[in-house]
Amino acid sequence: MMAINLILIAVAAFVLTIAFIVIAQEISVLLGLGLFIACCYGAYKVIGSRLTKL
């Protein structure tokens, strides 16, 4: 089960990275950077909430 979770995390990170690069190149660098920061903050909050439940 842990291996499946790691594979899903890797695929999600890959897709998000490609999406941020495309958004930054095609639309706006600041928009791509803002989405990246928002995604990192969201991941931090999710991981933090999961760790506090343990």
N, C-alpha and C. Protein backbone atom coordinates (compact mmCIF):
# COMPACT_ATOMS: atom_id res chain seq x y z
N MET A 1 0.83 -1.20 0.00
CA MET A 1 0.00 0.00 0.00
C MET A 1 0.87 1.26 0.00
N MET A 2 1.97 1.22 0.74
CA MET A 2 2.86 2.38 0.81
C MET A 2 3.48 2.66 -0.56
N ALA A 3 3.80 1.60 -1.31
CA ALA A 3 4.39 1.80 -2.63
C ALA A 3 3.41 2.48 -3.58
N ILE A 4 2.14 2.13 -3.49
CA ILE A 4 1.13 2.76 -4.34
C ILE A 4 1.01 4.24 -4.00
N ASN A 5 1.04 4.56 -2.72
CA ASN A 5 0.96 5.97 -2.31
C ASN A 5 2.16 6.76 -2.84
N LEU A 6 3.34 6.16 -2.78
CA LEU A 6 4.53 6.86 -3.27
C LEU A 6 4.47 7.06 -4.79
N ILE A 7 3.95 6.08 -5.50
CA ILE A 7 3.80 6.21 -6.95
C ILE A 7 2.80 7.31 -7.28
N LEU A 8 1.69 7.36 -6.56
CA LEU A 8 0.69 8.41 -6.80
C LEU A 8 1.26 9.79 -6.50
N ILE A 9 2.03 9.92 -5.44
CA ILE A 9 2.66 11.20 -5.11
C ILE A 9 3.63 11.61 -6.20
N ALA A 10 4.42 10.67 -6.71
CA ALA A 10 5.39 10.98 -7.76
C ALA A 10 4.69 11.42 -9.04
N VAL A 11 3.62 10.73 -9.41
CA VAL A 11 2.87 11.11 -10.62
C VAL A 11 2.23 12.48 -10.45
N ALA A 12 1.64 12.74 -9.29
CA ALA A 12 1.02 14.04 -9.04
C ALA A 12 2.06 15.16 -9.08
N ALA A 13 3.21 14.93 -8.49
CA ALA A 13 4.27 15.94 -8.51
C ALA A 13 4.74 16.21 -9.94
N PHE A 14 4.86 15.16 -10.74
CA PHE A 14 5.27 15.32 -12.14
C PHE A 14 4.25 16.13 -12.92
N VAL A 15 2.98 15.79 -12.78
CA VAL A 15 1.93 16.50 -13.51
C VAL A 15 1.86 17.96 -13.08
N LEU A 16 1.95 18.22 -11.78
CA LEU A 16 1.91 19.61 -11.30
C LEU A 16 3.10 20.40 -11.80
N THR A 17 4.27 19.79 -11.81
CA THR A 17 5.46 20.49 -12.29
C THR A 17 5.32 20.87 -13.75
N ILE A 18 4.84 19.94 -14.57
CA ILE A 18 4.64 20.23 -15.99
C ILE A 18 3.59 21.33 -16.16
N ALA A 19 2.51 21.26 -15.38
CA ALA A 19 1.46 22.27 -15.48
C ALA A 19 1.99 23.65 -15.09
N PHE A 20 2.80 23.73 -14.03
CA PHE A 20 3.34 25.02 -13.61
C PHE A 20 4.28 25.58 -14.66
N ILE A 21 5.09 24.73 -15.29
CA ILE A 21 6.01 25.20 -16.32
C ILE A 21 5.23 25.72 -17.52
N VAL A 22 4.20 24.99 -17.94
CA VAL A 22 3.41 25.42 -19.09
C VAL A 22 2.69 26.73 -18.78
N ILE A 23 2.09 26.85 -17.60
CA ILE A 23 1.40 28.08 -17.22
C ILE A 23 2.38 29.24 -17.19
N ALA A 24 3.57 29.01 -16.62
CA ALA A 24 4.55 30.09 -16.52
C ALA A 24 5.04 30.53 -17.89
N GLN A 25 5.18 29.59 -18.83
CA GLN A 25 5.66 29.97 -20.16
C GLN A 25 4.58 30.59 -21.02
N GLU A 26 3.37 30.07 -20.93
CA GLU A 26 2.32 30.50 -21.84
C GLU A 26 1.53 31.71 -21.33
N ILE A 27 1.28 31.78 -20.04
CA ILE A 27 0.41 32.83 -19.53
C ILE A 27 1.22 33.90 -18.80
N SER A 28 1.77 33.52 -17.64
CA SER A 28 2.50 34.51 -16.85
C SER A 28 3.42 33.79 -15.86
N VAL A 29 4.60 34.32 -15.71
CA VAL A 29 5.54 33.74 -14.77
C VAL A 29 5.03 33.90 -13.34
N LEU A 30 4.44 35.05 -13.06
CA LEU A 30 3.94 35.30 -11.71
C LEU A 30 2.76 34.39 -11.37
N LEU A 31 1.91 34.11 -12.34
CA LEU A 31 0.79 33.20 -12.12
C LEU A 31 1.31 31.79 -11.85
N GLY A 32 2.28 31.34 -12.63
CA GLY A 32 2.88 30.02 -12.40
C GLY A 32 3.54 29.94 -11.04
N LEU A 33 4.26 30.98 -10.66
CA LEU A 33 4.91 31.01 -9.36
C LEU A 33 3.89 31.06 -8.24
N GLY A 34 2.83 31.83 -8.42
CA GLY A 34 1.78 31.91 -7.41
C GLY A 34 1.07 30.58 -7.21
N LEU A 35 0.76 29.89 -8.31
CA LEU A 35 0.14 28.57 -8.19
C LEU A 35 1.07 27.57 -7.52
N PHE A 36 2.36 27.67 -7.83
CA PHE A 36 3.33 26.78 -7.19
C PHE A 36 3.39 27.02 -5.69
N ILE A 37 3.42 28.26 -5.28
CA ILE A 37 3.47 28.59 -3.85
C ILE A 37 2.19 28.15 -3.17
N ALA A 38 1.04 28.37 -3.82
CA ALA A 38 -0.23 27.94 -3.24
C ALA A 38 -0.29 26.43 -3.09
N CYS A 39 0.21 25.71 -4.07
CA CYS A 39 0.23 24.24 -4.00
C CYS A 39 1.15 23.76 -2.88
N CYS A 40 2.31 24.39 -2.75
CA CYS A 40 3.24 24.02 -1.68
C CYS A 40 2.63 24.30 -0.31
N TYR A 41 1.96 25.43 -0.18
CA TYR A 41 1.32 25.76 1.09
C TYR A 41 0.21 24.77 1.42
N GLY A 42 -0.59 24.41 0.41
CA GLY A 42 -1.65 23.42 0.61
C GLY A 42 -1.09 22.07 1.02
N ALA A 43 -0.01 21.66 0.38
CA ALA A 43 0.62 20.38 0.74
C ALA A 43 1.16 20.44 2.16
N TYR A 44 1.74 21.57 2.54
CA TYR A 44 2.25 21.75 3.90
C TYR A 44 1.12 21.63 4.93
N LYS A 45 -0.02 22.25 4.62
CA LYS A 45 -1.15 22.19 5.55
C LYS A 45 -1.70 20.77 5.65
N VAL A 46 -1.80 20.06 4.52
CA VAL A 46 -2.31 18.69 4.54
C VAL A 46 -1.36 17.78 5.32
N ILE A 47 -0.07 17.90 5.06
CA ILE A 47 0.91 17.07 5.76
C ILE A 47 0.90 17.40 7.25
N GLY A 48 0.81 18.69 7.57
CA GLY A 48 0.77 19.10 8.97
C GLY A 48 -0.46 18.56 9.69
N SER A 49 -1.59 18.58 9.02
CA SER A 49 -2.81 18.06 9.66
C SER A 49 -2.75 16.55 9.83
N ARG A 50 -2.10 15.87 8.89
CA ARG A 50 -1.98 14.41 9.01
C ARG A 50 -1.00 14.04 10.13
N LEU A 51 0.04 14.82 10.31
CA LEU A 51 1.02 14.51 11.35
C LEU A 51 0.47 14.78 12.74
N THR A 52 -0.39 15.79 12.86
CA THR A 52 -0.92 16.10 14.19
C THR A 52 -1.95 15.06 14.62
N LYS A 53 -2.53 14.32 13.66
CA LYS A 53 -3.50 13.30 14.01
C LYS A 53 -2.82 12.02 14.50
N LEU A 54 -1.54 11.86 14.18
CA LEU A 54 -0.84 10.63 14.58
C LEU A 54 -0.52 10.58 16.02
